[in-house]
């Protein structure tokens, strides 16, 4: 069996994969006869075979069936190609090949939720989606004043998968009016306020160091921390420790967690506090005589179907909230 080596331009070359996969299927090349790689991998492998010329093996077979796949498969592959597993190309082509063969194999590849290839593909896509969500949450920008006087907000992030360029649209929508750049080991993206620019990967040393604004953010984080609501296991699940070294506030977590129990106990033991500022429209409750009759006449009641005067809110209404014992840490 003749083997074919496909070299893609880069790790997320979706157009290149679609073109090559379509030609391979129409030439009746089975998945086990295809090796997939990227140009970067080929450059590092001294013993990698040279790819065959396209005109020697990509001629469509006379009996090649028309290639049609459901739209959800294309959407799945657009996300699956972002996974870092080098076997993602072979998995995508194997699913495509099975769909093109028809019969039971095609039905399983398209619809069977227990199919091994489908399960693996969906598992990898879920990992990509989690990584995209974590990037939304854990990117931290730092301002850098450029020589032209304009401010560029820069961030360093280390994703698990190749999501940097695909995820740039979120930050464009979120920070449209801001000039920013995100650096990662795989790629870099920069938004100038009008257009997105992509570039090669960077190093952590290329990102700016902490500044005075970061110290202010840490002060804010320390003051809003509520020790009574600390759930360390849940926090580590939502904010895995592998991200901590790039999060400024993570430097405070150990200290705040160690003192959380003591601070919570002090909050419970503290006396109720009285608000320093009176809410507009409130009145102080007036004393009643021994008989219990009010010193002022009762407010008139509204007639049915009409709106009557609204009684003033007494400060006693806020007493239960003040009596909860919550004190400012």
C-alpha atoms as a PDB file:
ATOM      1  CA  UNK A   1       0.000   0.000   0.000  1.00  0.00           C
ATOM      2  CA  UNK A   2       1.411   3.352  -1.022  1.00  0.00           C
ATOM      3  CA  UNK A   3       1.722   5.816   1.837  1.00  0.00           C
ATOM      4  CA  UNK A   4       1.009   9.513   1.463  1.00  0.00           C
ATOM      5  CA  UNK A   5       2.398  12.309   3.636  1.00  0.00           C
ATOM      6  CA  UNK A   6       0.377  15.511   3.887  1.00  0.00           C
ATOM      7  CA  UNK A   7       2.212  18.602   5.150  1.00  0.00           C
ATOM      8  CA  UNK A   8      -0.035  21.439   6.309  1.00  0.00           C
ATOM      9  CA  UNK A   9       1.123  25.047   6.522  1.00  0.00           C
ATOM     10  CA  UNK A  10       0.551  25.370  10.273  1.00  0.00           C
ATOM     11  CA  UNK A  11      -1.074  23.645  13.241  1.00  0.00           C
ATOM     12  CA  UNK A  12      -4.560  25.063  12.576  1.00  0.00           C
ATOM     13  CA  UNK A  13      -4.530  25.005   8.752  1.00  0.00           C
ATOM     14  CA  UNK A  14      -8.216  24.215   8.332  1.00  0.00           C
ATOM     15  CA  UNK A  15      -8.460  25.211   4.623  1.00  0.00           C
ATOM     16  CA  UNK A  16      -5.392  23.115   3.817  1.00  0.00           C
ATOM     17  CA  UNK A  17      -6.779  20.103   5.662  1.00  0.00           C
ATOM     18  CA  UNK A  18     -10.170  20.362   3.898  1.00  0.00           C
ATOM     19  CA  UNK A  19      -8.555  20.507   0.483  1.00  0.00           C
ATOM     20  CA  UNK A  20      -6.221  17.576   1.127  1.00  0.00           C
ATOM     21  CA  UNK A  21      -8.861  15.431   2.843  1.00  0.00           C
ATOM     22  CA  UNK A  22     -11.353  15.921   0.020  1.00  0.00           C
ATOM     23  CA  UNK A  23      -8.752  14.908  -2.579  1.00  0.00           C
ATOM     24  CA  UNK A  24      -7.695  11.855  -0.564  1.00  0.00           C
ATOM     25  CA  UNK A  25     -11.247  10.599  -0.123  1.00  0.00           C
ATOM     26  CA  UNK A  26     -12.018  11.027  -3.827  1.00  0.00           C
ATOM     27  CA  UNK A  27      -8.814   9.145  -4.649  1.00  0.00           C
ATOM     28  CA  UNK A  28      -9.938   6.248  -2.377  1.00  0.00           C
ATOM     29  CA  UNK A  29      -6.932   6.612  -0.058  1.00  0.00           C
ATOM     30  CA  UNK A  30      -7.750   4.874   3.264  1.00  0.00           C
ATOM     31  CA  UNK A  31      -6.898   6.558   6.596  1.00  0.00           C
ATOM     32  CA  UNK A  32      -4.169   4.030   7.461  1.00  0.00           C
ATOM     33  CA  UNK A  33      -2.241   5.067   4.335  1.00  0.00           C
ATOM     34  CA  UNK A  34      -2.005   8.771   5.248  1.00  0.00           C
ATOM     35  CA  UNK A  35       0.488  10.552   7.521  1.00  0.00           C
ATOM     36  CA  UNK A  36      -0.337  14.085   8.640  1.00  0.00           C
ATOM     37  CA  UNK A  37       2.140  16.703   9.789  1.00  0.00           C
ATOM     38  CA  UNK A  38       2.746  20.463   9.864  1.00  0.00           C
ATOM     39  CA  UNK A  39       5.663  22.343   8.338  1.00  0.00           C
ATOM     40  CA  UNK A  40       7.108  23.021  11.790  1.00  0.00           C
ATOM     41  CA  UNK A  41       7.089  19.283  12.560  1.00  0.00           C
ATOM     42  CA  UNK A  42       8.662  18.461   9.211  1.00  0.00           C
ATOM     43  CA  UNK A  43      11.464  20.964   9.803  1.00  0.00           C
ATOM     44  CA  UNK A  44      12.335  19.331  13.142  1.00  0.00           C
ATOM     45  CA  UNK A  45      12.201  15.744  11.847  1.00  0.00           C
ATOM     46  CA  UNK A  46      15.392  14.948   9.941  1.00  0.00           C
ATOM     47  CA  UNK A  47      14.064  11.552   8.822  1.00  0.00           C
ATOM     48  CA  UNK A  48      10.618  12.684   7.685  1.00  0.00           C
ATOM     49  CA  UNK A  49       9.847  11.562   4.103  1.00  0.00           C
ATOM     50  CA  UNK A  50       9.360  14.116   1.392  1.00  0.00           C
ATOM     51  CA  UNK A  51       5.691  14.640   0.518  1.00  0.00           C
ATOM     52  CA  UNK A  52       4.593  13.145  -2.759  1.00  0.00           C
ATOM     53  CA  UNK A  53       3.690  15.447  -5.636  1.00  0.00           C
ATOM     54  CA  UNK A  54      -0.004  16.133  -5.813  1.00  0.00           C
ATOM     55  CA  UNK A  55      -0.369  15.091  -9.469  1.00  0.00           C
ATOM     56  CA  UNK A  56       0.926  11.537  -8.756  1.00  0.00           C
ATOM     57  CA  UNK A  57      -1.732  10.465  -6.256  1.00  0.00           C
ATOM     58  CA  UNK A  58      -4.572  12.990  -5.977  1.00  0.00           C
ATOM     59  CA  UNK A  59      -6.414  12.039  -9.189  1.00  0.00           C
ATOM     60  CA  UNK A  60     -10.051  11.269  -8.332  1.00  0.00           C
ATOM     61  CA  UNK A  61     -11.071   7.625  -8.711  1.00  0.00           C
ATOM     62  CA  UNK A  62     -13.601   6.919 -11.497  1.00  0.00           C
ATOM     63  CA  UNK A  63     -16.085   5.447  -9.018  1.00  0.00           C
ATOM     64  CA  UNK A  64     -15.517   8.061  -6.314  1.00  0.00           C
ATOM     65  CA  UNK A  65     -18.842   8.871  -4.600  1.00  0.00           C
ATOM     66  CA  UNK A  66     -19.943  12.481  -4.148  1.00  0.00           C
ATOM     67  CA  UNK A  67     -18.622  13.785  -0.839  1.00  0.00           C
ATOM     68  CA  UNK A  68     -21.315  15.284   1.379  1.00  0.00           C
ATOM     69  CA  UNK A  69     -21.124  15.697   5.145  1.00  0.00           C
ATOM     70  CA  UNK A  70     -23.525  17.281   7.644  1.00  0.00           C
ATOM     71  CA  UNK A  71     -22.848  20.901   8.662  1.00  0.00           C
ATOM     72  CA  UNK A  72     -22.392  19.939  12.315  1.00  0.00           C
ATOM     73  CA  UNK A  73     -19.424  17.759  11.316  1.00  0.00           C
ATOM     74  CA  UNK A  74     -17.714  20.755   9.717  1.00  0.00           C
ATOM     75  CA  UNK A  75     -18.371  22.808  12.852  1.00  0.00           C
ATOM     76  CA  UNK A  76     -16.958  19.985  14.988  1.00  0.00           C
ATOM     77  CA  UNK A  77     -13.772  19.803  12.918  1.00  0.00           C
ATOM     78  CA  UNK A  78     -13.283  23.587  12.998  1.00  0.00           C
ATOM     79  CA  UNK A  79     -12.949  23.293  16.769  1.00  0.00           C
ATOM     80  CA  UNK A  80     -11.238  19.906  16.822  1.00  0.00           C
ATOM     81  CA  UNK A  81      -8.330  21.207  14.748  1.00  0.00           C
ATOM     82  CA  UNK A  82      -7.524  23.631  17.580  1.00  0.00           C
ATOM     83  CA  UNK A  83      -6.642  20.730  19.907  1.00  0.00           C
ATOM     84  CA  UNK A  84      -2.960  20.155  20.604  1.00  0.00           C
ATOM     85  CA  UNK A  85      -3.102  16.381  20.103  1.00  0.00           C
ATOM     86  CA  UNK A  86      -1.054  15.570  16.958  1.00  0.00           C
ATOM     87  CA  UNK A  87      -3.517  12.776  16.141  1.00  0.00           C
ATOM     88  CA  UNK A  88      -6.385  15.210  15.506  1.00  0.00           C
ATOM     89  CA  UNK A  89      -5.808  15.256  11.721  1.00  0.00           C
ATOM     90  CA  UNK A  90      -5.919  11.466  11.473  1.00  0.00           C
ATOM     91  CA  UNK A  91      -9.085  11.395  13.610  1.00  0.00           C
ATOM     92  CA  UNK A  92     -10.852  13.959  11.438  1.00  0.00           C
ATOM     93  CA  UNK A  93      -9.878  12.170   8.225  1.00  0.00           C
ATOM     94  CA  UNK A  94     -10.939   8.808   9.643  1.00  0.00           C
ATOM     95  CA  UNK A  95     -14.406  10.154  10.433  1.00  0.00           C
ATOM     96  CA  UNK A  96     -14.640  11.763   6.997  1.00  0.00           C
ATOM     97  CA  UNK A  97     -13.570   8.549   5.278  1.00  0.00           C
ATOM     98  CA  UNK A  98     -16.167   6.511   7.143  1.00  0.00           C
ATOM     99  CA  UNK A  99     -18.929   8.990   6.258  1.00  0.00           C
ATOM    100  CA  UNK A 100     -17.999   8.772   2.597  1.00  0.00           C
ATOM    101  CA  UNK A 101     -18.178   4.940   2.512  1.00  0.00           C
ATOM    102  CA  UNK A 102     -21.904   4.767   3.203  1.00  0.00           C
ATOM    103  CA  UNK A 103     -23.747   1.989   4.981  1.00  0.00           C
ATOM    104  CA  UNK A 104     -23.456   1.161   8.673  1.00  0.00           C
ATOM    105  CA  UNK A 105     -20.017   2.766   9.024  1.00  0.00           C
ATOM    106  CA  UNK A 106     -21.336   6.074   7.747  1.00  0.00           C
ATOM    107  CA  UNK A 107     -24.367   5.953  10.037  1.00  0.00           C
ATOM    108  CA  UNK A 108     -22.176   5.249  13.073  1.00  0.00           C
ATOM    109  CA  UNK A 109     -19.728   8.046  12.218  1.00  0.00           C
ATOM    110  CA  UNK A 110     -22.608  10.485  11.766  1.00  0.00           C
ATOM    111  CA  UNK A 111     -25.077   9.602  14.508  1.00  0.00           C
ATOM    112  CA  UNK A 112     -23.911   6.948  16.999  1.00  0.00           C
ATOM    113  CA  UNK A 113     -23.084   8.680  20.328  1.00  0.00           C
ATOM    114  CA  UNK A 114     -21.169   5.566  21.471  1.00  0.00           C
ATOM    115  CA  UNK A 115     -18.955   5.401  18.395  1.00  0.00           C
ATOM    116  CA  UNK A 116     -15.322   5.460  19.557  1.00  0.00           C
ATOM    117  CA  UNK A 117     -14.158   8.043  17.011  1.00  0.00           C
ATOM    118  CA  UNK A 118     -17.126  10.333  17.682  1.00  0.00           C
ATOM    119  CA  UNK A 119     -16.638  10.072  21.444  1.00  0.00           C
ATOM    120  CA  UNK A 120     -12.952  10.937  21.151  1.00  0.00           C
ATOM    121  CA  UNK A 121     -13.686  13.896  18.858  1.00  0.00           C
ATOM    122  CA  UNK A 122     -16.340  15.340  21.157  1.00  0.00           C
ATOM    123  CA  UNK A 123     -14.102  14.839  24.200  1.00  0.00           C
ATOM    124  CA  UNK A 124     -11.316  16.796  22.520  1.00  0.00           C
ATOM    125  CA  UNK A 125     -13.705  19.565  21.447  1.00  0.00           C
ATOM    126  CA  UNK A 126     -14.926  19.937  25.042  1.00  0.00           C
ATOM    127  CA  UNK A 127     -11.323  20.394  26.140  1.00  0.00           C
ATOM    128  CA  UNK A 128     -10.867  23.122  23.521  1.00  0.00           C
ATOM    129  CA  UNK A 129     -14.032  24.899  24.668  1.00  0.00           C
ATOM    130  CA  UNK A 130     -12.883  24.791  28.297  1.00  0.00           C
ATOM    131  CA  UNK A 131      -9.560  26.300  27.278  1.00  0.00           C
ATOM    132  CA  UNK A 132     -11.351  29.072  25.355  1.00  0.00           C
ATOM    133  CA  UNK A 133     -13.463  29.845  28.435  1.00  0.00           C
ATOM    134  CA  UNK A 134     -10.384  29.958  30.675  1.00  0.00           C
ATOM    135  CA  UNK A 135      -8.701  32.399  28.313  1.00  0.00           C
ATOM    136  CA  UNK A 136     -11.768  34.665  28.512  1.00  0.00           C
ATOM    137  CA  UNK A 137     -11.512  34.640  32.300  1.00  0.00           C
ATOM    138  CA  UNK A 138      -7.774  34.716  32.999  1.00  0.00           C
ATOM    139  CA  UNK A 139      -6.239  37.172  30.531  1.00  0.00           C
ATOM    140  CA  UNK A 140      -4.817  40.173  32.449  1.00  0.00           C
ATOM    141  CA  UNK A 141      -3.782  43.272  30.498  1.00  0.00           C
ATOM    142  CA  UNK A 142      -1.023  45.667  31.546  1.00  0.00           C
ATOM    143  CA  UNK A 143      -0.734  49.145  29.998  1.00  0.00           C
ATOM    144  CA  UNK A 144       2.392  50.072  28.054  1.00  0.00           C
ATOM    145  CA  UNK A 145       2.968  53.616  26.781  1.00  0.00           C
ATOM    146  CA  UNK A 146       4.427  53.490  23.276  1.00  0.00           C
ATOM    147  CA  UNK A 147       6.901  56.078  21.880  1.00  0.00           C
ATOM    148  CA  UNK A 148       4.040  57.803  20.027  1.00  0.00           C
ATOM    149  CA  UNK A 149       2.306  58.429  23.360  1.00  0.00           C
ATOM    150  CA  UNK A 150      -0.503  55.931  22.814  1.00  0.00           C
ATOM    151  CA  UNK A 151      -1.234  53.189  25.335  1.00  0.00           C
ATOM    152  CA  UNK A 152      -1.120  49.546  24.329  1.00  0.00           C
ATOM    153  CA  UNK A 153      -2.579  47.020  26.772  1.00  0.00           C
ATOM    154  CA  UNK A 154      -0.552  43.798  26.669  1.00  0.00           C
ATOM    155  CA  UNK A 155      -1.235  40.389  28.187  1.00  0.00           C
ATOM    156  CA  UNK A 156       0.604  37.088  28.448  1.00  0.00           C
ATOM    157  CA  UNK A 157      -1.340  33.808  28.405  1.00  0.00           C
ATOM    158  CA  UNK A 158      -0.391  30.133  28.114  1.00  0.00           C
ATOM    159  CA  UNK A 159      -3.253  28.159  26.531  1.00  0.00           C
ATOM    160  CA  UNK A 160      -3.420  24.386  26.510  1.00  0.00           C
ATOM    161  CA  UNK A 161      -4.469  24.331  22.838  1.00  0.00           C
ATOM    162  CA  UNK A 162      -4.110  26.392  19.643  1.00  0.00           C
ATOM    163  CA  UNK A 163      -6.920  28.824  20.477  1.00  0.00           C
ATOM    164  CA  UNK A 164      -5.217  32.237  20.374  1.00  0.00           C
ATOM    165  CA  UNK A 165      -6.234  33.419  16.901  1.00  0.00           C
ATOM    166  CA  UNK A 166      -9.639  31.716  17.013  1.00  0.00           C
ATOM    167  CA  UNK A 167     -10.375  33.388  20.344  1.00  0.00           C
ATOM    168  CA  UNK A 168      -9.398  36.910  19.264  1.00  0.00           C
ATOM    169  CA  UNK A 169     -12.949  37.791  18.195  1.00  0.00           C
ATOM    170  CA  UNK A 170     -14.134  37.715  21.813  1.00  0.00           C
ATOM    171  CA  UNK A 171     -11.576  40.306  22.861  1.00  0.00           C
ATOM    172  CA  UNK A 172     -12.316  42.481  19.831  1.00  0.00           C
ATOM    173  CA  UNK A 173     -15.989  42.611  20.826  1.00  0.00           C
ATOM    174  CA  UNK A 174     -15.147  43.122  24.499  1.00  0.00           C
ATOM    175  CA  UNK A 175     -12.430  45.771  24.068  1.00  0.00           C
ATOM    176  CA  UNK A 176     -13.257  47.339  20.720  1.00  0.00           C
ATOM    177  CA  UNK A 177     -12.140  50.852  21.710  1.00  0.00           C
ATOM    178  CA  UNK A 178      -8.917  49.698  23.341  1.00  0.00           C
ATOM    179  CA  UNK A 179      -5.601  48.942  21.646  1.00  0.00           C
ATOM    180  CA  UNK A 180      -4.384  45.610  22.956  1.00  0.00           C
ATOM    181  CA  UNK A 181      -2.097  42.659  22.277  1.00  0.00           C
ATOM    182  CA  UNK A 182      -2.142  39.107  23.624  1.00  0.00           C
ATOM    183  CA  UNK A 183       1.088  37.102  23.574  1.00  0.00           C
ATOM    184  CA  UNK A 184       1.189  33.305  23.820  1.00  0.00           C
ATOM    185  CA  UNK A 185       3.875  30.701  23.080  1.00  0.00           C
ATOM    186  CA  UNK A 186       2.036  29.631  19.905  1.00  0.00           C
ATOM    187  CA  UNK A 187       0.915  32.923  18.360  1.00  0.00           C
ATOM    188  CA  UNK A 188       0.320  36.589  19.077  1.00  0.00           C
ATOM    189  CA  UNK A 189      -2.629  38.811  18.203  1.00  0.00           C
ATOM    190  CA  UNK A 190      -2.812  42.621  18.223  1.00  0.00           C
ATOM    191  CA  UNK A 191      -5.829  44.889  17.806  1.00  0.00           C
ATOM    192  CA  UNK A 192      -5.121  48.467  16.684  1.00  0.00           C
ATOM    193  CA  UNK A 193      -8.708  49.632  17.038  1.00  0.00           C
ATOM    194  CA  UNK A 194      -9.535  48.896  13.391  1.00  0.00           C
ATOM    195  CA  UNK A 195      -7.844  45.675  12.328  1.00  0.00           C
ATOM    196  CA  UNK A 196      -6.564  42.461  13.873  1.00  0.00           C
ATOM    197  CA  UNK A 197      -2.923  41.554  13.283  1.00  0.00           C
ATOM    198  CA  UNK A 198      -1.500  38.068  13.885  1.00  0.00           C
ATOM    199  CA  UNK A 199       2.095  37.129  14.482  1.00  0.00           C
ATOM    200  CA  UNK A 200       4.365  34.323  15.708  1.00  0.00           C
ATOM    201  CA  UNK A 201       4.571  33.075  19.250  1.00  0.00           C
ATOM    202  CA  UNK A 202       6.359  35.020  21.953  1.00  0.00           C
ATOM    203  CA  UNK A 203       8.111  34.498  25.278  1.00  0.00           C
ATOM    204  CA  UNK A 204       6.949  35.507  28.712  1.00  0.00           C
ATOM    205  CA  UNK A 205       9.809  37.994  28.937  1.00  0.00           C
ATOM    206  CA  UNK A 206       8.219  39.899  26.027  1.00  0.00           C
ATOM    207  CA  UNK A 207       5.260  40.828  28.244  1.00  0.00           C
ATOM    208  CA  UNK A 208       5.494  43.974  30.407  1.00  0.00           C
ATOM    209  CA  UNK A 209       6.315  43.733  34.143  1.00  0.00           C
ATOM    210  CA  UNK A 210       3.878  44.681  36.941  1.00  0.00           C
ATOM    211  CA  UNK A 211       3.038  48.364  37.342  1.00  0.00           C
ATOM    212  CA  UNK A 212       1.370  50.681  39.877  1.00  0.00           C
ATOM    213  CA  UNK A 213      -2.059  49.856  38.485  1.00  0.00           C
ATOM    214  CA  UNK A 214      -1.516  46.220  39.365  1.00  0.00           C
ATOM    215  CA  UNK A 215      -0.747  47.131  42.977  1.00  0.00           C
ATOM    216  CA  UNK A 216      -4.044  49.015  43.093  1.00  0.00           C
ATOM    217  CA  UNK A 217      -5.848  45.972  41.720  1.00  0.00           C
ATOM    218  CA  UNK A 218      -4.300  43.767  44.412  1.00  0.00           C
ATOM    219  CA  UNK A 219      -5.444  46.205  47.096  1.00  0.00           C
ATOM    220  CA  UNK A 220      -8.972  46.055  45.691  1.00  0.00           C
ATOM    221  CA  UNK A 221      -8.886  42.238  45.522  1.00  0.00           C
ATOM    222  CA  UNK A 222      -7.706  42.006  49.144  1.00  0.00           C
ATOM    223  CA  UNK A 223     -10.553  44.227  50.365  1.00  0.00           C
ATOM    224  CA  UNK A 224     -13.377  42.503  48.477  1.00  0.00           C
ATOM    225  CA  UNK A 225     -12.264  39.037  49.580  1.00  0.00           C
ATOM    226  CA  UNK A 226     -14.961  37.493  51.805  1.00  0.00           C
ATOM    227  CA  UNK A 227     -13.405  34.838  54.074  1.00  0.00           C
ATOM    228  CA  UNK A 228     -16.821  33.473  55.054  1.00  0.00           C
ATOM    229  CA  UNK A 229     -17.474  32.393  51.459  1.00  0.00           C
ATOM    230  CA  UNK A 230     -14.110  30.750  50.765  1.00  0.00           C
ATOM    231  CA  UNK A 231     -14.404  27.326  49.088  1.00  0.00           C
ATOM    232  CA  UNK A 232     -10.861  26.436  48.163  1.00  0.00           C
ATOM    233  CA  UNK A 233     -11.643  23.176  46.335  1.00  0.00           C
ATOM    234  CA  UNK A 234     -14.281  24.846  44.164  1.00  0.00           C
ATOM    235  CA  UNK A 235     -11.969  27.786  43.472  1.00  0.00           C
ATOM    236  CA  UNK A 236      -9.192  25.455  42.305  1.00  0.00           C
ATOM    237  CA  UNK A 237     -11.675  23.648  40.054  1.00  0.00           C
ATOM    238  CA  UNK A 238     -12.787  26.874  38.354  1.00  0.00           C
ATOM    239  CA  UNK A 239      -9.321  28.475  38.489  1.00  0.00           C
ATOM    240  CA  UNK A 240      -6.777  25.625  38.169  1.00  0.00           C
ATOM    241  CA  UNK A 241      -3.442  26.236  39.838  1.00  0.00           C
ATOM    242  CA  UNK A 242      -1.592  25.973  36.510  1.00  0.00           C
ATOM    243  CA  UNK A 243      -2.951  29.454  35.674  1.00  0.00           C
ATOM    244  CA  UNK A 244      -1.918  31.057  38.959  1.00  0.00           C
ATOM    245  CA  UNK A 245       1.598  32.062  37.955  1.00  0.00           C
ATOM    246  CA  UNK A 246       0.121  34.439  35.348  1.00  0.00           C
ATOM    247  CA  UNK A 247      -2.588  35.929  37.608  1.00  0.00           C
ATOM    248  CA  UNK A 248      -1.524  38.873  39.807  1.00  0.00           C
ATOM    249  CA  UNK A 249      -4.208  38.186  42.425  1.00  0.00           C
ATOM    250  CA  UNK A 250      -3.042  34.579  42.834  1.00  0.00           C
ATOM    251  CA  UNK A 251      -0.122  35.833  44.932  1.00  0.00           C
ATOM    252  CA  UNK A 252      -2.634  36.711  47.662  1.00  0.00           C
ATOM    253  CA  UNK A 253      -4.651  33.477  47.648  1.00  0.00           C
ATOM    254  CA  UNK A 254      -2.441  31.488  50.022  1.00  0.00           C
ATOM    255  CA  UNK A 255      -2.291  34.297  52.574  1.00  0.00           C
ATOM    256  CA  UNK A 256      -6.022  35.038  52.408  1.00  0.00           C
ATOM    257  CA  UNK A 257      -6.950  31.363  52.587  1.00  0.00           C
ATOM    258  CA  UNK A 258      -4.764  30.760  55.658  1.00  0.00           C
ATOM    259  CA  UNK A 259      -6.367  33.628  57.582  1.00  0.00           C
ATOM    260  CA  UNK A 260      -9.931  33.046  56.341  1.00  0.00           C
ATOM    261  CA  UNK A 261     -11.080  30.968  59.345  1.00  0.00           C
ATOM    262  CA  UNK A 262      -9.774  33.493  61.871  1.00  0.00           C
ATOM    263  CA  UNK A 263     -11.319  36.430  60.023  1.00  0.00           C
ATOM    264  CA  UNK A 264     -14.648  34.621  59.693  1.00  0.00           C
ATOM    265  CA  UNK A 265     -14.728  34.001  63.451  1.00  0.00           C
ATOM    266  CA  UNK A 266     -14.082  37.671  64.145  1.00  0.00           C
ATOM    267  CA  UNK A 267     -16.902  38.657  61.810  1.00  0.00           C
ATOM    268  CA  UNK A 268     -19.340  36.385  63.660  1.00  0.00           C
ATOM    269  CA  UNK A 269     -18.284  37.696  67.081  1.00  0.00           C
ATOM    270  CA  UNK A 270     -18.418  41.355  66.058  1.00  0.00           C
ATOM    271  CA  UNK A 271     -21.393  43.449  67.151  1.00  0.00           C
ATOM    272  CA  UNK A 272     -23.915  44.640  64.648  1.00  0.00           C
ATOM    273  CA  UNK A 273     -22.882  47.794  62.871  1.00  0.00           C
ATOM    274  CA  UNK A 274     -25.027  50.844  62.157  1.00  0.00           C
ATOM    275  CA  UNK A 275     -24.835  52.299  58.638  1.00  0.00           C
ATOM    276  CA  UNK A 276     -22.918  55.562  58.604  1.00  0.00           C
ATOM    277  CA  UNK A 277     -25.093  56.989  55.893  1.00  0.00           C
ATOM    278  CA  UNK A 278     -28.861  57.256  56.214  1.00  0.00           C
ATOM    279  CA  UNK A 279     -30.857  56.137  53.210  1.00  0.00           C
ATOM    280  CA  UNK A 280     -32.851  58.982  51.680  1.00  0.00           C
ATOM    281  CA  UNK A 281     -36.540  58.894  52.534  1.00  0.00           C
ATOM    282  CA  UNK A 282     -36.197  57.041  55.841  1.00  0.00           C
ATOM    283  CA  UNK A 283     -37.294  58.320  59.229  1.00  0.00           C
ATOM    284  CA  UNK A 284     -36.345  57.401  62.759  1.00  0.00           C
ATOM    285  CA  UNK A 285     -39.143  55.482  64.565  1.00  0.00           C
ATOM    286  CA  UNK A 286     -40.861  57.645  67.160  1.00  0.00           C
ATOM    287  CA  UNK A 287     -41.453  56.502  70.739  1.00  0.00           C
ATOM    288  CA  UNK A 288     -44.925  55.318  71.744  1.00  0.00           C
ATOM    289  CA  UNK A 289     -46.684  56.190  75.013  1.00  0.00           C
ATOM    290  CA  UNK A 290     -47.373  53.526  77.613  1.00  0.00           C
ATOM    291  CA  UNK A 291     -50.815  52.785  76.132  1.00  0.00           C
ATOM    292  CA  UNK A 292     -49.269  51.905  72.830  1.00  0.00           C
ATOM    293  CA  UNK A 293     -51.137  54.592  70.826  1.00  0.00           C
ATOM    294  CA  UNK A 294     -49.067  56.405  68.222  1.00  0.00           C
ATOM    295  CA  UNK A 295     -48.121  60.043  68.850  1.00  0.00           C
ATOM    296  CA  UNK A 296     -49.152  61.025  65.310  1.00  0.00           C
ATOM    297  CA  UNK A 297     -52.407  60.221  63.545  1.00  0.00           C
ATOM    298  CA  UNK A 298     -52.450  57.143  61.391  1.00  0.00           C
ATOM    299  CA  UNK A 299     -51.916  57.552  57.693  1.00  0.00           C
ATOM    300  CA  UNK A 300     -55.119  57.389  55.656  1.00  0.00           C
ATOM    301  CA  UNK A 301     -55.760  54.165  53.849  1.00  0.00           C
ATOM    302  CA  UNK A 302     -56.190  54.139  50.120  1.00  0.00           C
ATOM    303  CA  UNK A 303     -59.640  53.529  48.746  1.00  0.00           C
ATOM    304  CA  UNK A 304     -60.096  50.392  46.675  1.00  0.00           C
ATOM    305  CA  UNK A 305     -58.800  50.942  43.152  1.00  0.00           C
ATOM    306  CA  UNK A 306     -56.847  54.076  44.056  1.00  0.00           C
ATOM    307  CA  UNK A 307     -53.277  54.687  45.126  1.00  0.00           C
ATOM    308  CA  UNK A 308     -52.837  55.974  48.627  1.00  0.00           C
ATOM    309  CA  UNK A 309     -49.850  57.670  50.230  1.00  0.00           C
ATOM    310  CA  UNK A 310     -46.835  55.445  50.695  1.00  0.00           C
ATOM    311  CA  UNK A 311     -45.682  55.214  54.330  1.00  0.00           C
ATOM    312  CA  UNK A 312     -42.114  56.185  55.058  1.00  0.00           C
ATOM    313  CA  UNK A 313     -39.644  53.331  55.470  1.00  0.00           C
ATOM    314  CA  UNK A 314     -38.484  53.093  59.038  1.00  0.00           C
ATOM    315  CA  UNK A 315     -34.872  52.508  59.875  1.00  0.00           C
ATOM    316  CA  UNK A 316     -36.100  49.565  61.900  1.00  0.00           C
ATOM    317  CA  UNK A 317     -36.648  47.800  58.572  1.00  0.00           C
ATOM    318  CA  UNK A 318     -32.899  47.661  58.127  1.00  0.00           C
ATOM    319  CA  UNK A 319     -32.311  46.323  61.630  1.00  0.00           C
ATOM    320  CA  UNK A 320     -32.528  42.626  60.701  1.00  0.00           C
ATOM    321  CA  UNK A 321     -29.866  43.107  58.022  1.00  0.00           C
ATOM    322  CA  UNK A 322     -27.615  44.927  60.476  1.00  0.00           C
ATOM    323  CA  UNK A 323     -28.137  42.224  63.060  1.00  0.00           C
ATOM    324  CA  UNK A 324     -26.688  39.518  60.862  1.00  0.00           C
ATOM    325  CA  UNK A 325     -23.300  40.297  62.323  1.00  0.00           C
ATOM    326  CA  UNK A 326     -21.643  40.974  58.961  1.00  0.00           C
ATOM    327  CA  UNK A 327     -18.799  43.377  59.429  1.00  0.00           C
ATOM    328  CA  UNK A 328     -16.445  44.839  56.912  1.00  0.00           C
ATOM    329  CA  UNK A 329     -13.336  42.693  56.965  1.00  0.00           C
END
